[in-house]
Amino acid sequence: MADKQLLHIVVGGELKDVAGIEFRDLSKVEFVGAYPSYEDAHKAWKAKAQATVDNAHARYFIIHAHKLLDPSEG
């Protein structure tokens, strides 16, 4: 049997302040993708983070969407 799908979403863009989590312009937030596991999402996150390493304000995040959809899921 296949592992249970746990939806993870990767998004990112430029932050207003490197110490915060508020995006500079929400219309420019990039949807990297939706992934069935944390491991797959982490690979996509890492690739985007490495590709934007020269931009100090660029940050990418993994959203554990399965927890938002069903809070009883740990």
C-alpha atoms as a PDB file:
ATOM      1  CA  MET A   1       0.000   0.000   0.000  1.00  0.00           C
ATOM      2  CA  ALA A   2       1.297   3.489  -0.865  1.00  0.00           C
ATOM      3  CA  ASP A   3       2.106   6.010   1.833  1.00  0.00           C
ATOM      4  CA  LYS A   4      -0.720   8.363   2.755  1.00  0.00           C
ATOM      5  CA  GLN A   5      -0.678  11.645   0.822  1.00  0.00           C
ATOM      6  CA  LEU A   6       0.119  14.602   3.088  1.00  0.00           C
ATOM      7  CA  LEU A   7      -0.301  17.780   1.056  1.00  0.00           C
ATOM      8  CA  HIS A   8       2.560  20.293   1.316  1.00  0.00           C
ATOM      9  CA  ILE A   9       2.738  23.571  -0.605  1.00  0.00           C
ATOM     10  CA  VAL A  10       5.921  25.512  -1.359  1.00  0.00           C
ATOM     11  CA  VAL A  11       5.683  29.285  -1.858  1.00  0.00           C
ATOM     12  CA  GLY A  12       8.124  32.155  -1.695  1.00  0.00           C
ATOM     13  CA  GLY A  13       9.269  35.545  -2.762  1.00  0.00           C
ATOM     14  CA  GLU A  14      10.872  38.692  -1.462  1.00  0.00           C
ATOM     15  CA  LEU A  15      10.271  39.721   2.131  1.00  0.00           C
ATOM     16  CA  LYS A  16       9.895  43.306   3.369  1.00  0.00           C
ATOM     17  CA  ASP A  17      12.460  42.617   6.102  1.00  0.00           C
ATOM     18  CA  VAL A  18      14.866  39.680   6.332  1.00  0.00           C
ATOM     19  CA  ALA A  19      13.960  39.281  10.014  1.00  0.00           C
ATOM     20  CA  GLY A  20      10.239  38.876   9.266  1.00  0.00           C
ATOM     21  CA  ILE A  21       7.845  36.780   7.242  1.00  0.00           C
ATOM     22  CA  GLU A  22       5.838  39.523   5.504  1.00  0.00           C
ATOM     23  CA  PHE A  23       6.132  39.521   1.716  1.00  0.00           C
ATOM     24  CA  ARG A  24       7.088  42.740  -0.079  1.00  0.00           C
ATOM     25  CA  ASP A  25       4.387  42.279  -2.745  1.00  0.00           C
ATOM     26  CA  LEU A  26       1.773  39.516  -2.428  1.00  0.00           C
ATOM     27  CA  SER A  27       1.022  39.715  -6.152  1.00  0.00           C
ATOM     28  CA  LYS A  28       4.567  38.494  -6.789  1.00  0.00           C
ATOM     29  CA  VAL A  29       4.569  35.548  -4.382  1.00  0.00           C
ATOM     30  CA  GLU A  30       5.623  32.470  -6.321  1.00  0.00           C
ATOM     31  CA  PHE A  31       3.676  29.232  -6.070  1.00  0.00           C
ATOM     32  CA  VAL A  32       6.405  26.629  -6.497  1.00  0.00           C
ATOM     33  CA  GLY A  33       4.119  23.629  -6.253  1.00  0.00           C
ATOM     34  CA  ALA A  34       2.018  21.165  -4.279  1.00  0.00           C
ATOM     35  CA  TYR A  35       3.652  17.958  -3.094  1.00  0.00           C
ATOM     36  CA  PRO A  36       2.371  14.683  -1.600  1.00  0.00           C
ATOM     37  CA  SER A  37       5.032  14.478   1.128  1.00  0.00           C
ATOM     38  CA  TYR A  38       7.335  16.647   3.190  1.00  0.00           C
ATOM     39  CA  GLU A  39      10.344  15.025   1.536  1.00  0.00           C
ATOM     40  CA  ASP A  40       9.188  16.029  -1.959  1.00  0.00           C
ATOM     41  CA  ALA A  41       8.327  19.553  -0.772  1.00  0.00           C
ATOM     42  CA  HIS A  42      11.722  19.879   0.915  1.00  0.00           C
ATOM     43  CA  LYS A  43      13.518  19.011  -2.338  1.00  0.00           C
ATOM     44  CA  ALA A  44      11.577  21.753  -4.184  1.00  0.00           C
ATOM     45  CA  TRP A  45      12.115  24.240  -1.347  1.00  0.00           C
ATOM     46  CA  LYS A  46      15.854  23.537  -1.273  1.00  0.00           C
ATOM     47  CA  ALA A  47      16.198  23.984  -5.036  1.00  0.00           C
ATOM     48  CA  LYS A  48      14.421  27.387  -4.922  1.00  0.00           C
ATOM     49  CA  ALA A  49      16.349  28.505  -1.846  1.00  0.00           C
ATOM     50  CA  GLN A  50      19.665  27.632  -3.497  1.00  0.00           C
ATOM     51  CA  ALA A  51      18.651  29.329  -6.753  1.00  0.00           C
ATOM     52  CA  THR A  52      17.936  32.600  -4.897  1.00  0.00           C
ATOM     53  CA  VAL A  53      20.876  32.530  -2.482  1.00  0.00           C
ATOM     54  CA  ASP A  54      22.206  35.844  -3.868  1.00  0.00           C
ATOM     55  CA  ASN A  55      18.989  37.671  -2.917  1.00  0.00           C
ATOM     56  CA  ALA A  56      19.016  38.233   0.857  1.00  0.00           C
ATOM     57  CA  HIS A  57      15.305  39.113   0.876  1.00  0.00           C
ATOM     58  CA  ALA A  58      14.133  35.977  -0.968  1.00  0.00           C
ATOM     59  CA  ARG A  59      12.594  33.288   1.225  1.00  0.00           C
ATOM     60  CA  TYR A  60      10.668  30.126   0.460  1.00  0.00           C
ATOM     61  CA  PHE A  61       8.372  28.287   2.833  1.00  0.00           C
ATOM     62  CA  ILE A  62       6.837  24.843   3.135  1.00  0.00           C
ATOM     63  CA  ILE A  63       3.192  25.004   4.205  1.00  0.00           C
ATOM     64  CA  HIS A  64       1.857  21.843   5.813  1.00  0.00           C
ATOM     65  CA  ALA A  65      -1.514  22.117   4.055  1.00  0.00           C
ATOM     66  CA  HIS A  66      -2.687  18.715   5.267  1.00  0.00           C
ATOM     67  CA  LYS A  67      -2.713  20.130   8.805  1.00  0.00           C
ATOM     68  CA  LEU A  68      -4.879  23.056   7.673  1.00  0.00           C
ATOM     69  CA  LEU A  69      -7.300  20.781   5.833  1.00  0.00           C
ATOM     70  CA  ASP A  70      -7.594  18.292   8.694  1.00  0.00           C
ATOM     71  CA  PRO A  71      -6.230  19.584  12.037  1.00  0.00           C
ATOM     72  CA  SER A  72      -6.687  16.123  13.590  1.00  0.00           C
ATOM     73  CA  GLU A  73      -3.860  14.885  11.339  1.00  0.00           C
ATOM     74  CA  GLY A  74      -0.532  15.330  13.141  1.00  0.00           C
END
